Protein backbone atom coordinates (compact mmCIF):
# COMPACT_ATOMS: atom_id res chain seq x y z
CA UNK A 1 0.00 0.00 0.00
CA UNK A 2 1.68 3.24 -1.11
CA UNK A 3 2.06 5.93 1.50
CA UNK A 4 0.97 9.46 0.75
CA UNK A 5 3.45 12.25 1.37
CA UNK A 6 2.85 14.32 4.48
CA UNK A 7 1.12 17.61 3.78
CA UNK A 8 3.32 20.66 4.22
CA UNK A 9 3.04 22.45 7.53
CA UNK A 10 1.70 25.98 7.44
CA UNK A 11 5.19 27.29 8.19
CA UNK A 12 6.57 25.30 5.25
CA UNK A 13 3.77 26.61 3.02
CA UNK A 14 4.55 30.17 4.15
CA UNK A 15 8.25 29.73 3.38
CA UNK A 16 7.36 28.29 -0.02
CA UNK A 17 5.09 31.26 -0.83
CA UNK A 18 7.71 33.79 0.28
CA UNK A 19 10.49 32.04 -1.63
CA UNK A 20 8.88 32.77 -5.00
CA UNK A 21 10.42 35.60 -7.02
CA UNK A 22 7.21 37.65 -6.73
CA UNK A 23 6.79 36.92 -3.01
CA UNK A 24 3.31 37.26 -1.49
CA UNK A 25 1.14 39.86 0.22
CA UNK A 26 -0.58 39.53 3.60
CA UNK A 27 -4.06 39.06 2.06
CA UNK A 28 -2.90 36.20 -0.17
CA UNK A 29 -1.04 34.45 2.66
CA UNK A 30 -3.98 34.91 5.04
CA UNK A 31 -6.45 33.46 2.54
CA UNK A 32 -4.25 30.50 1.58
CA UNK A 33 -3.41 29.52 5.17
CA UNK A 34 -6.71 30.47 6.80
CA UNK A 35 -5.10 33.06 9.06
CA UNK A 36 -6.19 36.53 10.09
CA UNK A 37 -3.91 39.35 8.90
CA UNK A 38 -2.38 39.92 12.35
CA UNK A 39 -1.49 36.20 12.55
CA UNK A 40 0.21 36.43 9.16
CA UNK A 41 2.26 39.45 10.24
CA UNK A 42 3.22 37.63 13.46
CA UNK A 43 4.38 34.63 11.39
CA UNK A 44 6.54 36.95 9.27
CA UNK A 45 8.09 38.31 12.47
CA UNK A 46 8.68 34.74 13.65
CA UNK A 47 10.54 33.92 10.44
CA UNK A 48 12.72 36.99 10.91
CA UNK A 49 13.51 35.96 14.50
CA UNK A 50 14.39 32.48 13.21
CA UNK A 51 17.05 34.03 10.96
CA UNK A 52 15.23 34.42 7.65
CA UNK A 53 15.91 37.65 5.77
CA UNK A 54 12.36 38.73 4.87
CA UNK A 55 12.12 41.87 2.79
CA UNK A 56 9.05 44.05 2.35
CA UNK A 57 8.53 45.76 -0.99
CA UNK A 58 5.87 48.25 -2.06
CA UNK A 59 5.34 47.43 -5.77
CA UNK A 60 3.35 50.52 -6.72
CA UNK A 61 0.66 53.01 -5.84
CA UNK A 62 -2.36 51.27 -4.36
CA UNK A 63 -0.74 47.83 -4.45
CA UNK A 64 -0.31 45.91 -1.17
CA UNK A 65 3.08 45.41 0.44
CA UNK A 66 4.74 42.20 -0.79
CA UNK A 67 7.04 40.09 1.34
CA UNK A 68 9.81 37.85 0.07
CA UNK A 69 12.54 35.72 1.61
CA UNK A 70 15.89 37.04 0.45
CA UNK A 71 18.06 34.61 2.47
CA UNK A 72 17.46 31.58 4.66
CA UNK A 73 19.38 30.80 7.85
CA UNK A 74 22.23 28.30 7.47
CA UNK A 75 20.39 25.63 9.49
CA UNK A 76 17.13 25.87 7.48
CA UNK A 77 16.31 22.94 5.24
PDB file of N, CA and C in Angstrom:
ATOM      1  N   UNK A   1       0.846  -1.175   0.000  1.00  0.00           N
ATOM      2  CA  UNK A   1       0.000   0.000   0.000  1.00  0.00           C
ATOM      3  C   UNK A   1       0.897   1.246   0.000  1.00  0.00           C
ATOM      4  N   UNK A   2       0.818   2.064  -1.045  1.00  0.00           N
ATOM      5  CA  UNK A   2       1.685   3.241  -1.112  1.00  0.00           C
ATOM      6  C   UNK A   2       1.301   4.279  -0.057  1.00  0.00           C
ATOM      7  N   UNK A   3       2.323   4.891   0.508  1.00  0.00           N
ATOM      8  CA  UNK A   3       2.060   5.931   1.503  1.00  0.00           C
ATOM      9  C   UNK A   3       1.990   7.287   0.806  1.00  0.00           C
ATOM     10  N   UNK A   4       1.104   8.110   1.304  1.00  0.00           N
ATOM     11  CA  UNK A   4       0.973   9.456   0.755  1.00  0.00           C
ATOM     12  C   UNK A   4       1.963  10.369   1.456  1.00  0.00           C
ATOM     13  N   UNK A   5       2.522  11.325   0.712  1.00  0.00           N
ATOM     14  CA  UNK A   5       3.454  12.254   1.371  1.00  0.00           C
ATOM     15  C   UNK A   5       2.717  13.099   2.393  1.00  0.00           C
ATOM     16  N   UNK A   6       3.444  13.462   3.459  1.00  0.00           N
ATOM     17  CA  UNK A   6       2.850  14.316   4.483  1.00  0.00           C
ATOM     18  C   UNK A   6       2.539  15.682   3.890  1.00  0.00           C
ATOM     19  N   UNK A   7       1.397  16.244   4.259  1.00  0.00           N
ATOM     20  CA  UNK A   7       1.120  17.608   3.778  1.00  0.00           C
ATOM     21  C   UNK A   7       2.098  18.592   4.421  1.00  0.00           C
ATOM     22  N   UNK A   8       2.402  19.638   3.698  1.00  0.00           N
ATOM     23  CA  UNK A   8       3.316  20.656   4.219  1.00  0.00           C
ATOM     24  C   UNK A   8       2.693  21.354   5.421  1.00  0.00           C
ATOM     25  N   UNK A   9       3.522  21.671   6.402  1.00  0.00           N
ATOM     26  CA  UNK A   9       3.043  22.453   7.534  1.00  0.00           C
ATOM     27  C   UNK A   9       2.731  23.866   7.045  1.00  0.00           C
ATOM     28  N   UNK A  10       2.005  24.609   7.838  1.00  0.00           N
ATOM     29  CA  UNK A  10       1.696  25.985   7.444  1.00  0.00           C
ATOM     30  C   UNK A  10       2.967  26.818   7.357  1.00  0.00           C
ATOM     31  N   UNK A  11       3.913  26.556   8.247  1.00  0.00           N
ATOM     32  CA  UNK A  11       5.187  27.285   8.189  1.00  0.00           C
ATOM     33  C   UNK A  11       5.906  26.957   6.884  1.00  0.00           C
ATOM     34  N   UNK A  12       5.914  25.694   6.504  1.00  0.00           N
ATOM     35  CA  UNK A  12       6.570  25.296   5.251  1.00  0.00           C
ATOM     36  C   UNK A  12       5.859  25.919   4.045  1.00  0.00           C
ATOM     37  N   UNK A  13       4.527  25.973   4.097  1.00  0.00           N
ATOM     38  CA  UNK A  13       3.775  26.608   3.017  1.00  0.00           C
ATOM     39  C   UNK A  13       4.101  28.102   2.941  1.00  0.00           C
ATOM     40  N   UNK A  14       4.213  28.746   4.102  1.00  0.00           N
ATOM     41  CA  UNK A  14       4.550  30.172   4.149  1.00  0.00           C
ATOM     42  C   UNK A  14       5.929  30.411   3.537  1.00  0.00           C
ATOM     43  N   UNK A  15       6.897  29.591   3.917  1.00  0.00           N
ATOM     44  CA  UNK A  15       8.250  29.731   3.381  1.00  0.00           C
ATOM     45  C   UNK A  15       8.241  29.529   1.869  1.00  0.00           C
ATOM     46  N   UNK A  16       7.462  28.554   1.412  1.00  0.00           N
ATOM     47  CA  UNK A  16       7.361  28.290  -0.025  1.00  0.00           C
ATOM     48  C   UNK A  16       6.780  29.501  -0.757  1.00  0.00           C
ATOM     49  N   UNK A  17       5.720  30.096  -0.205  1.00  0.00           N
ATOM     50  CA  UNK A  17       5.094  31.262  -0.829  1.00  0.00           C
ATOM     51  C   UNK A  17       6.057  32.448  -0.877  1.00  0.00           C
ATOM     52  N   UNK A  18       6.800  32.640   0.193  1.00  0.00           N
ATOM     53  CA  UNK A  18       7.711  33.788   0.280  1.00  0.00           C
ATOM     54  C   UNK A  18       9.007  33.569  -0.498  1.00  0.00           C
ATOM     55  N   UNK A  19       9.275  32.342  -0.881  1.00  0.00           N
ATOM     56  CA  UNK A  19      10.492  32.040  -1.632  1.00  0.00           C
ATOM     57  C   UNK A  19      10.335  32.291  -3.126  1.00  0.00           C
ATOM     58  N   UNK A  20       9.101  32.470  -3.582  1.00  0.00           N
ATOM     59  CA  UNK A  20       8.884  32.774  -5.004  1.00  0.00           C
ATOM     60  C   UNK A  20       9.468  34.146  -5.332  1.00  0.00           C
ATOM     61  N   UNK A  21       9.832  34.326  -6.583  1.00  0.00           N
ATOM     62  CA  UNK A  21      10.419  35.598  -7.021  1.00  0.00           C
ATOM     63  C   UNK A  21       9.486  36.778  -6.748  1.00  0.00           C
ATOM     64  N   UNK A  22       8.178  36.569  -6.933  1.00  0.00           N
ATOM     65  CA  UNK A  22       7.211  37.649  -6.730  1.00  0.00           C
ATOM     66  C   UNK A  22       6.818  37.818  -5.261  1.00  0.00           C
ATOM     67  N   UNK A  23       7.165  36.848  -4.410  1.00  0.00           N
ATOM     68  CA  UNK A  23       6.786  36.922  -3.005  1.00  0.00           C
ATOM     69  C   UNK A  23       5.285  36.779  -2.834  1.00  0.00           C
ATOM     70  N   UNK A  24       4.754  37.343  -1.755  1.00  0.00           N
ATOM     71  CA  UNK A  24       3.315  37.264  -1.486  1.00  0.00           C
ATOM     72  C   UNK A  24       2.910  38.417  -0.579  1.00  0.00           C
ATOM     73  N   UNK A  25       1.636  38.806  -0.666  1.00  0.00           N
ATOM     74  CA  UNK A  25       1.139  39.864   0.218  1.00  0.00           C
ATOM     75  C   UNK A  25       0.359  39.235   1.371  1.00  0.00           C
ATOM     76  N   UNK A  26       0.084  40.022   2.393  1.00  0.00           N
ATOM     77  CA  UNK A  26      -0.581  39.529   3.598  1.00  0.00           C
ATOM     78  C   UNK A  26      -1.949  38.925   3.268  1.00  0.00           C
ATOM     79  N   UNK A  27      -2.722  39.564   2.396  1.00  0.00           N
ATOM     80  CA  UNK A  27      -4.058  39.056   2.063  1.00  0.00           C
ATOM     81  C   UNK A  27      -3.990  37.676   1.415  1.00  0.00           C
ATOM     82  N   UNK A  28      -3.041  37.485   0.517  1.00  0.00           N
ATOM     83  CA  UNK A  28      -2.899  36.196  -0.166  1.00  0.00           C
ATOM     84  C   UNK A  28      -2.476  35.106   0.818  1.00  0.00           C
ATOM     85  N   UNK A  29      -1.510  35.421   1.663  1.00  0.00           N
ATOM     86  CA  UNK A  29      -1.039  34.454   2.661  1.00  0.00           C
ATOM     87  C   UNK A  29      -2.171  34.101   3.614  1.00  0.00           C
ATOM     88  N   UNK A  30      -2.889  35.122   4.093  1.00  0.00           N
ATOM     89  CA  UNK A  30      -3.984  34.906   5.036  1.00  0.00           C
ATOM     90  C   UNK A  30      -5.055  34.001   4.444  1.00  0.00           C
ATOM     91  N   UNK A  31      -5.406  34.258   3.196  1.00  0.00           N
ATOM     92  CA  UNK A  31      -6.446  33.464   2.539  1.00  0.00           C
ATOM     93  C   UNK A  31      -5.994  32.021   2.341  1.00  0.00           C
ATOM     94  N   UNK A  32      -4.785  31.837   1.873  1.00  0.00           N
ATOM     95  CA  UNK A  32      -4.254  30.497   1.584  1.00  0.00           C
ATOM     96  C   UNK A  32      -4.130  29.659   2.849  1.00  0.00           C
ATOM     97  N   UNK A  33      -3.668  30.272   3.946  1.00  0.00           N
ATOM     98  CA  UNK A  33      -3.409  29.522   5.175  1.00  0.00           C
ATOM     99  C   UNK A  33      -4.551  29.580   6.182  1.00  0.00           C
ATOM    100  N   UNK A  34      -5.581  30.378   5.882  1.00  0.00           N
ATOM    101  CA  UNK A  34      -6.714  30.472   6.799  1.00  0.00           C
ATOM    102  C   UNK A  34      -6.401  31.273   8.052  1.00  0.00           C
ATOM    103  N   UNK A  35      -5.501  32.231   7.935  1.00  0.00           N
ATOM    104  CA  UNK A  35      -5.095  33.064   9.063  1.00  0.00           C
ATOM    105  C   UNK A  35      -5.711  34.447   8.953  1.00  0.00           C
ATOM    106  N   UNK A  36      -5.829  35.118  10.090  1.00  0.00           N
ATOM    107  CA  UNK A  36      -6.188  36.529  10.093  1.00  0.00           C
ATOM    108  C   UNK A  36      -4.925  37.332   9.771  1.00  0.00           C
ATOM    109  N   UNK A  37      -5.088  38.557   9.272  1.00  0.00           N
ATOM    110  CA  UNK A  37      -3.907  39.354   8.899  1.00  0.00           C
ATOM    111  C   UNK A  37      -2.880  39.526  10.023  1.00  0.00           C
ATOM    112  N   UNK A  38      -3.348  39.717  11.263  1.00  0.00           N
ATOM    113  CA  UNK A  38      -2.377  39.919  12.348  1.00  0.00           C
ATOM    114  C   UNK A  38      -1.592  38.629  12.627  1.00  0.00           C
ATOM    115  N   UNK A  39      -2.197  37.476  12.391  1.00  0.00           N
ATOM    116  CA  UNK A  39      -1.490  36.203  12.553  1.00  0.00           C
ATOM    117  C   UNK A  39      -0.421  36.063  11.476  1.00  0.00           C
ATOM    118  N   UNK A  40      -0.753  36.483  10.263  1.00  0.00           N
ATOM    119  CA  UNK A  40       0.208  36.432   9.160  1.00  0.00           C
ATOM    120  C   UNK A  40       1.407  37.322   9.459  1.00  0.00           C
ATOM    121  N   UNK A  41       1.150  38.540   9.922  1.00  0.00           N
ATOM    122  CA  UNK A  41       2.261  39.447  10.242  1.00  0.00           C
ATOM    123  C   UNK A  41       3.115  38.891  11.384  1.00  0.00           C
ATOM    124  N   UNK A  42       2.480  38.237  12.361  1.00  0.00           N
ATOM    125  CA  UNK A  42       3.224  37.626  13.463  1.00  0.00           C
ATOM    126  C   UNK A  42       4.102  36.482  12.944  1.00  0.00           C
ATOM    127  N   UNK A  43       3.596  35.722  11.977  1.00  0.00           N
ATOM    128  CA  UNK A  43       4.382  34.630  11.388  1.00  0.00           C
ATOM    129  C   UNK A  43       5.591  35.182  10.640  1.00  0.00           C
ATOM    130  N   UNK A  44       5.416  36.314   9.955  1.00  0.00           N
ATOM    131  CA  UNK A  44       6.542  36.953   9.266  1.00  0.00           C
ATOM    132  C   UNK A  44       7.600  37.380  10.274  1.00  0.00           C
ATOM    133  N   UNK A  45       7.168  37.920  11.404  1.00  0.00           N
ATOM    134  CA  UNK A  45       8.093  38.314  12.466  1.00  0.00           C
ATOM    135  C   UNK A  45       8.813  37.085  13.016  1.00  0.00           C
ATOM    136  N   UNK A  46       8.077  35.988  13.177  1.00  0.00           N
ATOM    137  CA  UNK A  46       8.682  34.743  13.654  1.00  0.00           C
ATOM    138  C   UNK A  46       9.757  34.225  12.720  1.00  0.00           C
ATOM    139  N   UNK A  47       9.518  34.339  11.409  1.00  0.00           N
ATOM    140  CA  UNK A  47      10.537  33.920  10.443  1.00  0.00           C
ATOM    141  C   UNK A  47      11.782  34.789  10.566  1.00  0.00           C
ATOM    142  N   UNK A  48      11.571  36.081  10.747  1.00  0.00           N
ATOM    143  CA  UNK A  48      12.722  36.992  10.909  1.00  0.00           C
ATOM    144  C   UNK A  48      13.524  36.624  12.151  1.00  0.00           C
ATOM    145  N   UNK A  49      12.824  36.329  13.252  1.00  0.00           N
ATOM    146  CA  UNK A  49      13.507  35.958  14.496  1.00  0.00           C
ATOM    147  C   UNK A  49      14.246  34.632  14.347  1.00  0.00           C
ATOM    148  N   UNK A  50      13.751  33.770  13.447  1.00  0.00           N
ATOM    149  CA  UNK A  50      14.391  32.477  13.206  1.00  0.00           C
ATOM    150  C   UNK A  50      15.593  32.597  12.273  1.00  0.00           C
ATOM    151  N   UNK A  51      15.869  33.806  11.773  1.00  0.00           N
ATOM    152  CA  UNK A  51      17.046  34.026  10.963  1.00  0.00           C
ATOM    153  C   UNK A  51      16.798  34.209   9.475  1.00  0.00           C
ATOM    154  N   UNK A  52      15.537  34.179   9.052  1.00  0.00           N
ATOM    155  CA  UNK A  52      15.225  34.419   7.647  1.00  0.00           C
ATOM    156  C   UNK A  52      15.320  35.910   7.359  1.00  0.00           C
ATOM    157  N   UNK A  53      15.859  36.253   6.206  1.00  0.00           N
ATOM    158  CA  UNK A  53      15.911  37.647   5.771  1.00  0.00           C
ATOM    159  C   UNK A  53      14.664  37.889   4.927  1.00  0.00           C
ATOM    160  N   UNK A  54      13.633  38.467   5.555  1.00  0.00           N
ATOM    161  CA  UNK A  54      12.362  38.726   4.875  1.00  0.00           C
ATOM    162  C   UNK A  54      12.305  40.203   4.515  1.00  0.00           C
ATOM    163  N   UNK A  55      12.195  40.480   3.215  1.00  0.00           N
ATOM    164  CA  UNK A  55      12.122  41.874   2.786  1.00  0.00           C
ATOM    165  C   UNK A  55      10.675  42.244   2.484  1.00  0.00           C
ATOM    166  N   UNK A  56      10.372  43.509   2.663  1.00  0.00           N
ATOM    167  CA  UNK A  56       9.045  44.049   2.347  1.00  0.00           C
ATOM    168  C   UNK A  56       9.223  45.053   1.221  1.00  0.00           C
ATOM    169  N   UNK A  57       8.417  44.879   0.175  1.00  0.00           N
ATOM    170  CA  UNK A  57       8.529  45.757  -0.992  1.00  0.00           C
ATOM    171  C   UNK A  57       7.160  46.317  -1.340  1.00  0.00           C
ATOM    172  N   UNK A  58       7.103  47.598  -1.617  1.00  0.00           N
ATOM    173  CA  UNK A  58       5.869  48.251  -2.059  1.00  0.00           C
ATOM    174  C   UNK A  58       5.948  48.346  -3.579  1.00  0.00           C
ATOM    175  N   UNK A  59       5.200  47.481  -4.313  1.00  0.00           N
ATOM    176  CA  UNK A  59       5.341  47.434  -5.771  1.00  0.00           C
ATOM    177  C   UNK A  59       4.847  48.662  -6.515  1.00  0.00           C
ATOM    178  N   UNK A  60       3.858  49.351  -6.016  1.00  0.00           N
ATOM    179  CA  UNK A  60       3.348  50.518  -6.723  1.00  0.00           C
ATOM    180  C   UNK A  60       2.218  51.174  -5.963  1.00  0.00           C
ATOM    181  N   UNK A  61       1.741  52.270  -6.495  1.00  0.00           N
ATOM    182  CA  UNK A  61       0.664  53.012  -5.845  1.00  0.00           C
ATOM    183  C   UNK A  61      -0.602  52.143  -5.752  1.00  0.00           C
ATOM    184  N   UNK A  62      -1.133  52.015  -4.564  1.00  0.00           N
ATOM    185  CA  UNK A  62      -2.363  51.270  -4.364  1.00  0.00           C
ATOM    186  C   UNK A  62      -2.188  49.768  -4.277  1.00  0.00           C
ATOM    187  N   UNK A  63      -0.986  49.267  -4.541  1.00  0.00           N
ATOM    188  CA  UNK A  63      -0.741  47.829  -4.449  1.00  0.00           C
ATOM    189  C   UNK A  63      -0.308  47.482  -3.025  1.00  0.00           C
ATOM    190  N   UNK A  64      -0.696  46.298  -2.542  1.00  0.00           N
ATOM    191  CA  UNK A  64      -0.313  45.914  -1.172  1.00  0.00           C
ATOM    192  C   UNK A  64       1.174  45.593  -1.058  1.00  0.00           C
ATOM    193  N   UNK A  65       1.689  45.732   0.138  1.00  0.00           N
ATOM    194  CA  UNK A  65       3.077  45.407   0.443  1.00  0.00           C
ATOM    195  C   UNK A  65       3.296  43.919   0.168  1.00  0.00           C
ATOM    196  N   UNK A  66       4.407  43.592  -0.487  1.00  0.00           N
ATOM    197  CA  UNK A  66       4.737  42.202  -0.791  1.00  0.00           C
ATOM    198  C   UNK A  66       5.971  41.807   0.011  1.00  0.00           C
ATOM    199  N   UNK A  67       5.950  40.601   0.512  1.00  0.00           N
ATOM    200  CA  UNK A  67       7.040  40.087   1.336  1.00  0.00           C
ATOM    201  C   UNK A  67       7.720  38.944   0.598  1.00  0.00           C
ATOM    202  N   UNK A  68       9.047  38.879   0.766  1.00  0.00           N
ATOM    203  CA  UNK A  68       9.812  37.854   0.070  1.00  0.00           C
ATOM    204  C   UNK A  68      11.014  37.472   0.913  1.00  0.00           C
ATOM    205  N   UNK A  69      11.350  36.181   0.918  1.00  0.00           N
ATOM    206  CA  UNK A  69      12.540  35.717   1.614  1.00  0.00           C
ATOM    207  C   UNK A  69      13.742  35.958   0.709  1.00  0.00           C
ATOM    208  N   UNK A  70      14.683  36.729   1.207  1.00  0.00           N
ATOM    209  CA  UNK A  70      15.893  37.040   0.452  1.00  0.00           C
ATOM    210  C   UNK A  70      17.020  36.048   0.792  1.00  0.00           C
ATOM    211  N   UNK A  71      17.038  35.563   2.044  1.00  0.00           N
ATOM    212  CA  UNK A  71      18.056  34.608   2.468  1.00  0.00           C
ATOM    213  C   UNK A  71      17.495  33.770   3.606  1.00  0.00           C
ATOM    214  N   UNK A  72      17.884  32.489   3.605  1.00  0.00           N
ATOM    215  CA  UNK A  72      17.463  31.579   4.656  1.00  0.00           C
ATOM    216  C   UNK A  72      18.614  31.381   5.627  1.00  0.00           C
ATOM    217  N   UNK A  73      18.294  31.052   6.892  1.00  0.00           N
ATOM    218  CA  UNK A  73      19.376  30.798   7.846  1.00  0.00           C
ATOM    219  C   UNK A  73      20.143  29.546   7.415  1.00  0.00           C
ATOM    220  N   UNK A  74      21.367  29.427   7.854  1.00  0.00           N
ATOM    221  CA  UNK A  74      22.228  28.298   7.466  1.00  0.00           C
ATOM    222  C   UNK A  74      21.637  26.953   7.877  1.00  0.00           C
ATOM    223  N   UNK A  75      20.923  26.904   8.995  1.00  0.00           N
ATOM    224  CA  UNK A  75      20.391  25.634   9.486  1.00  0.00           C
ATOM    225  C   UNK A  75      19.000  25.303   8.943  1.00  0.00           C
ATOM    226  N   UNK A  76      18.450  26.135   8.056  1.00  0.00           N
ATOM    227  CA  UNK A  76      17.129  25.865   7.479  1.00  0.00           C
ATOM    228  C   UNK A  76      17.261  24.831   6.370  1.00  0.00           C
ATOM    229  N   UNK A  77      16.259  23.975   6.276  1.00  0.00           N
ATOM    230  CA  UNK A  77      16.313  22.941   5.237  1.00  0.00           C
ATOM    231  C   UNK A  77      15.599  23.378   3.989  1.00  0.00           C
TER     232      UNK A  77
END
